Amino acid sequence: GSAMGSMLSAAPLIKKVYIPKYIFPLERVCFALVNCLFSFIALVIVMLVTGAKLHATVLLAFYPLLTLFVFTLGIGLALAAATVFFRDVMHLWGVFTLALNYFSAIFYDPEQMNPLVVGSVELSLSQVIRFNPLYWYITGFRATVLDGTGLTWSMVWICGLCAVIALAVGLFVFRRQQDKFVLHI
């Protein structure tokens, strides 16, 4: 979310000097990555202090982290460009991320949920949740850090594919609109 407002907060600098505009969303996403790495280190320390089992697969957690970084960068670039032209994106994004969090299985196991019945159609919520890209990153972290099971191939390719698609879309949108930023900030 912080990459979204990066172009607006850098407006005085962008208006005065030429600077590659992608630097601002990239800085925000890199800051979030460093923050996440420190949180990860704190988690490992807490696990060691409390006697929780620390699996060797914890090293594999860097793959979901790296692909999540690329995914977030792509989304951040697209949102930063959109926010320059439509300021309400910031408010709408807050509502969207709240709903996204509920459908990402952070605090619950989707396999334990009862199916949703709509008319005569029975819909498994665990299948619906799998369409959320964040589900796969969270499941990857959970598998490597907590369960010690490692990553499945589906986790690897879905996380990678979502990251590549998000980055491609983000770069396309950002590059296409960046020359118009000065006129709208």
C-alpha atoms as a PDB file:
ATOM      1  CA  GLY A   1       0.000   0.000   0.000  1.00  0.00           C
ATOM      2  CA  SER A   2       2.827   2.460   0.651  1.00  0.00           C
ATOM      3  CA  ALA A   3       4.137   2.221  -2.930  1.00  0.00           C
ATOM      4  CA  MET A   4       0.755   3.482  -4.073  1.00  0.00           C
ATOM      5  CA  GLY A   5       1.268   6.984  -2.675  1.00  0.00           C
ATOM      6  CA  SER A   6       4.964   7.170  -3.497  1.00  0.00           C
ATOM      7  CA  MET A   7       4.515   9.274  -6.623  1.00  0.00           C
ATOM      8  CA  LEU A   8       2.295  11.789  -4.852  1.00  0.00           C
ATOM      9  CA  SER A   9       4.653  12.158  -1.903  1.00  0.00           C
ATOM     10  CA  ALA A  10       7.610  12.645  -4.258  1.00  0.00           C
ATOM     11  CA  ALA A  11       5.764  15.266  -6.336  1.00  0.00           C
ATOM     12  CA  PRO A  12       7.968  18.241  -5.336  1.00  0.00           C
ATOM     13  CA  LEU A  13      11.112  16.366  -6.349  1.00  0.00           C
ATOM     14  CA  ILE A  14       9.617  15.005  -9.565  1.00  0.00           C
ATOM     15  CA  LYS A  15       8.554  18.508 -10.644  1.00  0.00           C
ATOM     16  CA  LYS A  16      12.028  19.999 -10.105  1.00  0.00           C
ATOM     17  CA  VAL A  17      14.533  17.446 -11.355  1.00  0.00           C
ATOM     18  CA  TYR A  18      14.553  14.524 -13.722  1.00  0.00           C
ATOM     19  CA  ILE A  19      14.809  11.303 -11.796  1.00  0.00           C
ATOM     20  CA  PRO A  20      13.701   7.843 -12.878  1.00  0.00           C
ATOM     21  CA  LYS A  21      10.186   7.653 -11.518  1.00  0.00           C
ATOM     22  CA  TYR A  22      10.197   3.924 -10.809  1.00  0.00           C
ATOM     23  CA  ILE A  23      12.677   4.616  -7.990  1.00  0.00           C
ATOM     24  CA  PHE A  24       9.927   5.843  -5.670  1.00  0.00           C
ATOM     25  CA  PRO A  25       7.669   2.755  -5.668  1.00  0.00           C
ATOM     26  CA  LEU A  26      10.764   0.520  -5.704  1.00  0.00           C
ATOM     27  CA  GLU A  27      12.110   2.247  -2.592  1.00  0.00           C
ATOM     28  CA  ARG A  28       8.853   1.686  -0.728  1.00  0.00           C
ATOM     29  CA  VAL A  29       8.674  -1.999  -1.662  1.00  0.00           C
ATOM     30  CA  CYS A  30      12.359  -2.528  -0.766  1.00  0.00           C
ATOM     31  CA  PHE A  31      11.739  -0.887   2.596  1.00  0.00           C
ATOM     32  CA  ALA A  32       8.871  -3.320   3.201  1.00  0.00           C
ATOM     33  CA  LEU A  33      11.145  -6.233   2.222  1.00  0.00           C
ATOM     34  CA  VAL A  34      13.821  -5.181   4.709  1.00  0.00           C
ATOM     35  CA  ASN A  35      11.147  -4.773   7.383  1.00  0.00           C
ATOM     36  CA  CYS A  36       9.859  -8.265   6.569  1.00  0.00           C
ATOM     37  CA  LEU A  37      13.371  -9.725   6.792  1.00  0.00           C
ATOM     38  CA  PHE A  38      13.867  -8.216  10.247  1.00  0.00           C
ATOM     39  CA  SER A  39      10.489  -9.605  11.293  1.00  0.00           C
ATOM     40  CA  PHE A  40      11.509 -13.007   9.955  1.00  0.00           C
ATOM     41  CA  ILE A  41      14.721 -12.899  11.991  1.00  0.00           C
ATOM     42  CA  ALA A  42      12.697 -11.960  15.078  1.00  0.00           C
ATOM     43  CA  LEU A  43      10.359 -14.892  14.400  1.00  0.00           C
ATOM     44  CA  VAL A  44      13.277 -17.323  14.227  1.00  0.00           C
ATOM     45  CA  ILE A  45      14.677 -15.924  17.498  1.00  0.00           C
ATOM     46  CA  VAL A  46      11.296 -16.306  19.210  1.00  0.00           C
ATOM     47  CA  MET A  47      11.030 -19.864  17.888  1.00  0.00           C
ATOM     48  CA  LEU A  48      14.460 -20.688  19.308  1.00  0.00           C
ATOM     49  CA  VAL A  49      13.740 -19.071  22.688  1.00  0.00           C
ATOM     50  CA  THR A  50      10.351 -20.739  23.115  1.00  0.00           C
ATOM     51  CA  GLY A  51      11.618 -24.135  22.050  1.00  0.00           C
ATOM     52  CA  ALA A  52       9.461 -24.366  18.950  1.00  0.00           C
ATOM     53  CA  LYS A  53      10.780 -26.819  16.408  1.00  0.00           C
ATOM     54  CA  LEU A  54      12.870 -25.029  13.798  1.00  0.00           C
ATOM     55  CA  HIS A  55      12.933 -27.066  10.592  1.00  0.00           C
ATOM     56  CA  ALA A  56      15.702 -27.020   7.994  1.00  0.00           C
ATOM     57  CA  THR A  57      13.027 -26.076   5.462  1.00  0.00           C
ATOM     58  CA  VAL A  58      12.954 -22.587   6.982  1.00  0.00           C
ATOM     59  CA  LEU A  59      15.660 -21.708   4.456  1.00  0.00           C
ATOM     60  CA  LEU A  60      13.187 -22.431   1.660  1.00  0.00           C
ATOM     61  CA  ALA A  61      11.002 -19.585   2.944  1.00  0.00           C
ATOM     62  CA  PHE A  62      13.143 -17.189   0.954  1.00  0.00           C
ATOM     63  CA  TYR A  63      11.529 -18.355  -2.299  1.00  0.00           C
ATOM     64  CA  PRO A  64       8.004 -17.270  -1.322  1.00  0.00           C
ATOM     65  CA  LEU A  65       9.530 -14.102   0.147  1.00  0.00           C
ATOM     66  CA  LEU A  66      11.394 -13.261  -3.058  1.00  0.00           C
ATOM     67  CA  THR A  67       8.410 -13.995  -5.295  1.00  0.00           C
ATOM     68  CA  LEU A  68       6.152 -12.014  -2.958  1.00  0.00           C
ATOM     69  CA  PHE A  69       8.581  -9.092  -3.308  1.00  0.00           C
ATOM     70  CA  VAL A  70       8.356  -9.260  -7.118  1.00  0.00           C
ATOM     71  CA  PHE A  71       4.561  -9.628  -6.952  1.00  0.00           C
ATOM     72  CA  THR A  72       4.288  -6.646  -4.598  1.00  0.00           C
ATOM     73  CA  LEU A  73       6.576  -4.549  -6.775  1.00  0.00           C
ATOM     74  CA  GLY A  74       4.378  -5.198  -9.799  1.00  0.00           C
ATOM     75  CA  ILE A  75       1.183  -4.358  -7.932  1.00  0.00           C
ATOM     76  CA  GLY A  76       2.883  -1.314  -6.377  1.00  0.00           C
ATOM     77  CA  LEU A  77       3.977   0.039  -9.758  1.00  0.00           C
ATOM     78  CA  ALA A  78       0.486  -0.319 -11.213  1.00  0.00           C
ATOM     79  CA  LEU A  79      -1.158   1.246  -8.153  1.00  0.00           C
ATOM     80  CA  ALA A  80       1.363   4.107  -8.039  1.00  0.00           C
ATOM     81  CA  ALA A  81       0.508   4.961 -11.639  1.00  0.00           C
ATOM     82  CA  ALA A  82      -3.234   4.655 -11.030  1.00  0.00           C
ATOM     83  CA  THR A  83      -3.099   6.816  -7.901  1.00  0.00           C
ATOM     84  CA  VAL A  84      -1.557   9.720  -9.805  1.00  0.00           C
ATOM     85  CA  PHE A  85      -4.665   9.911 -11.988  1.00  0.00           C
ATOM     86  CA  PHE A  86      -7.319   8.630  -9.578  1.00  0.00           C
ATOM     87  CA  ARG A  87      -6.693   9.582  -5.924  1.00  0.00           C
ATOM     88  CA  ASP A  88      -9.628   7.486  -4.731  1.00  0.00           C
ATOM     89  CA  VAL A  89      -7.624   4.364  -5.542  1.00  0.00           C
ATOM     90  CA  MET A  90      -5.924   4.785  -2.156  1.00  0.00           C
ATOM     91  CA  HIS A  91      -9.230   4.527  -0.307  1.00  0.00           C
ATOM     92  CA  LEU A  92     -10.617   1.739  -2.461  1.00  0.00           C
ATOM     93  CA  TRP A  93      -7.413  -0.252  -2.072  1.00  0.00           C
ATOM     94  CA  GLY A  94      -7.838  -0.232   1.713  1.00  0.00           C
ATOM     95  CA  VAL A  95     -11.263  -1.822   1.389  1.00  0.00           C
ATOM     96  CA  PHE A  96      -9.998  -4.303  -1.200  1.00  0.00           C
ATOM     97  CA  THR A  97      -7.046  -5.422   0.927  1.00  0.00           C
ATOM     98  CA  LEU A  98      -9.317  -5.977   3.911  1.00  0.00           C
ATOM     99  CA  ALA A  99     -11.441  -8.360   1.847  1.00  0.00           C
ATOM    100  CA  LEU A 100      -8.312  -9.926   0.375  1.00  0.00           C
ATOM    101  CA  ASN A 101      -6.980 -10.677   3.855  1.00  0.00           C
ATOM    102  CA  TYR A 102     -10.152 -12.520   4.811  1.00  0.00           C
ATOM    103  CA  PHE A 103      -9.849 -14.657   1.684  1.00  0.00           C
ATOM    104  CA  SER A 104      -6.166 -15.485   2.059  1.00  0.00           C
ATOM    105  CA  ALA A 105      -6.304 -18.069   4.873  1.00  0.00           C
ATOM    106  CA  ILE A 106      -3.930 -16.276   7.207  1.00  0.00           C
ATOM    107  CA  PHE A 107      -5.700 -17.166  10.435  1.00  0.00           C
ATOM    108  CA  TYR A 108      -7.506 -20.358   9.470  1.00  0.00           C
ATOM    109  CA  ASP A 109      -7.104 -23.568   7.507  1.00  0.00           C
ATOM    110  CA  PRO A 110      -9.447 -23.427   4.497  1.00  0.00           C
ATOM    111  CA  GLU A 111      -9.694 -27.225   4.418  1.00  0.00           C
ATOM    112  CA  GLN A 112     -11.625 -27.129   7.711  1.00  0.00           C
ATOM    113  CA  MET A 113     -14.332 -24.825   6.357  1.00  0.00           C
ATOM    114  CA  ASN A 114     -17.783 -26.107   5.521  1.00  0.00           C
ATOM    115  CA  PRO A 115     -18.802 -25.872   1.867  1.00  0.00           C
ATOM    116  CA  LEU A 116     -20.974 -22.961   0.812  1.00  0.00           C
ATOM    117  CA  VAL A 117     -24.306 -23.988  -0.699  1.00  0.00           C
ATOM    118  CA  VAL A 118     -25.787 -21.548  -3.213  1.00  0.00           C
ATOM    119  CA  GLY A 119     -29.077 -22.914  -4.485  1.00  0.00           C
ATOM    120  CA  SER A 120     -28.300 -26.430  -5.653  1.00  0.00           C
ATOM    121  CA  VAL A 121     -24.596 -25.740  -6.143  1.00  0.00           C
ATOM    122  CA  GLU A 122     -22.158 -26.733  -3.411  1.00  0.00           C
ATOM    123  CA  LEU A 123     -19.070 -24.549  -3.464  1.00  0.00           C
ATOM    124  CA  SER A 124     -15.917 -25.483  -1.581  1.00  0.00           C
ATOM    125  CA  LEU A 125     -14.458 -22.325  -0.045  1.00  0.00           C
ATOM    126  CA  SER A 126     -11.012 -23.897  -0.011  1.00  0.00           C
ATOM    127  CA  GLN A 127     -11.186 -24.049  -3.820  1.00  0.00           C
ATOM    128  CA  VAL A 128     -12.313 -20.411  -4.055  1.00  0.00           C
ATOM    129  CA  ILE A 129      -9.526 -19.225  -1.754  1.00  0.00           C
ATOM    130  CA  ARG A 130      -6.927 -20.866  -4.020  1.00  0.00           C
ATOM    131  CA  PHE A 131      -7.679 -18.198  -6.643  1.00  0.00           C
ATOM    132  CA  ASN A 132      -6.174 -15.603  -4.299  1.00  0.00           C
ATOM    133  CA  PRO A 133      -2.438 -15.255  -5.083  1.00  0.00           C
ATOM    134  CA  LEU A 134      -1.683 -14.335  -1.469  1.00  0.00           C
ATOM    135  CA  TYR A 135      -2.976 -17.745  -0.382  1.00  0.00           C
ATOM    136  CA  TRP A 136      -0.048 -19.392  -2.151  1.00  0.00           C
ATOM    137  CA  TYR A 137       2.577 -17.133  -0.585  1.00  0.00           C
ATOM    138  CA  ILE A 138       1.097 -17.646   2.881  1.00  0.00           C
ATOM    139  CA  THR A 139       0.851 -21.401   2.342  1.00  0.00           C
ATOM    140  CA  GLY A 140       4.489 -21.429   1.221  1.00  0.00           C
ATOM    141  CA  PHE A 141       5.595 -19.635   4.382  1.00  0.00           C
ATOM    142  CA  ARG A 142       3.432 -21.869   6.542  1.00  0.00           C
ATOM    143  CA  ALA A 143       4.798 -25.035   4.907  1.00  0.00           C
ATOM    144  CA  THR A 144       8.458 -24.036   5.176  1.00  0.00           C
ATOM    145  CA  VAL A 145       8.524 -22.312   8.556  1.00  0.00           C
ATOM    146  CA  LEU A 146       5.804 -23.933  10.656  1.00  0.00           C
ATOM    147  CA  ASP A 147       5.110 -27.341   9.128  1.00  0.00           C
ATOM    148  CA  GLY A 148       8.608 -28.219   7.931  1.00  0.00           C
ATOM    149  CA  THR A 149       7.216 -29.850   4.806  1.00  0.00           C
ATOM    150  CA  GLY A 150       8.876 -27.689   2.186  1.00  0.00           C
ATOM    151  CA  LEU A 151       7.332 -26.270  -0.953  1.00  0.00           C
ATOM    152  CA  THR A 152       5.203 -28.255  -3.359  1.00  0.00           C
ATOM    153  CA  TRP A 153       5.664 -27.776  -7.084  1.00  0.00           C
ATOM    154  CA  SER A 154       2.287 -26.089  -7.302  1.00  0.00           C
ATOM    155  CA  MET A 155       3.388 -23.552  -4.671  1.00  0.00           C
ATOM    156  CA  VAL A 156       6.620 -22.906  -6.565  1.00  0.00           C
ATOM    157  CA  TRP A 157       5.122 -22.376  -9.999  1.00  0.00           C
ATOM    158  CA  ILE A 158       2.002 -20.495  -8.876  1.00  0.00           C
ATOM    159  CA  CYS A 159       4.038 -18.081  -6.713  1.00  0.00           C
ATOM    160  CA  GLY A 160       6.497 -17.552  -9.562  1.00  0.00           C
ATOM    161  CA  LEU A 161       3.802 -17.149 -12.202  1.00  0.00           C
ATOM    162  CA  CYS A 162       1.814 -14.653 -10.120  1.00  0.00           C
ATOM    163  CA  ALA A 163       4.999 -12.660  -9.483  1.00  0.00           C
ATOM    164  CA  VAL A 164       5.976 -12.534 -13.155  1.00  0.00           C
ATOM    165  CA  ILE A 165       2.464 -11.590 -14.297  1.00  0.00           C
ATOM    166  CA  ALA A 166       2.113  -8.869 -11.638  1.00  0.00           C
ATOM    167  CA  LEU A 167       5.528  -7.412 -12.483  1.00  0.00           C
ATOM    168  CA  ALA A 168       4.821  -7.467 -16.230  1.00  0.00           C
ATOM    169  CA  VAL A 169       1.460  -5.735 -15.782  1.00  0.00           C
ATOM    170  CA  GLY A 170       2.905  -3.244 -13.288  1.00  0.00           C
ATOM    171  CA  LEU A 171       5.815  -2.331 -15.548  1.00  0.00           C
ATOM    172  CA  PHE A 172       3.532  -2.007 -18.564  1.00  0.00           C
ATOM    173  CA  VAL A 173       1.084   0.304 -16.775  1.00  0.00           C
ATOM    174  CA  PHE A 174       3.802   2.359 -15.088  1.00  0.00           C
ATOM    175  CA  ARG A 175       5.947   2.845 -18.194  1.00  0.00           C
ATOM    176  CA  ARG A 176       2.954   3.722 -20.311  1.00  0.00           C
ATOM    177  CA  GLN A 177       1.790   6.458 -17.918  1.00  0.00           C
ATOM    178  CA  GLN A 178       5.012   7.804 -16.377  1.00  0.00           C
ATOM    179  CA  ASP A 179       5.471  10.660 -18.849  1.00  0.00           C
ATOM    180  CA  LYS A 180       2.068  12.060 -17.836  1.00  0.00           C
ATOM    181  CA  PHE A 181       2.796  12.023 -14.086  1.00  0.00           C
ATOM    182  CA  VAL A 182       4.223  15.557 -13.993  1.00  0.00           C
ATOM    183  CA  LEU A 183       0.991  16.950 -15.417  1.00  0.00           C
ATOM    184  CA  HIS A 184      -1.209  15.314 -12.777  1.00  0.00           C
ATOM    185  CA  ILE A 185       0.706  15.497  -9.484  1.00  0.00           C
END
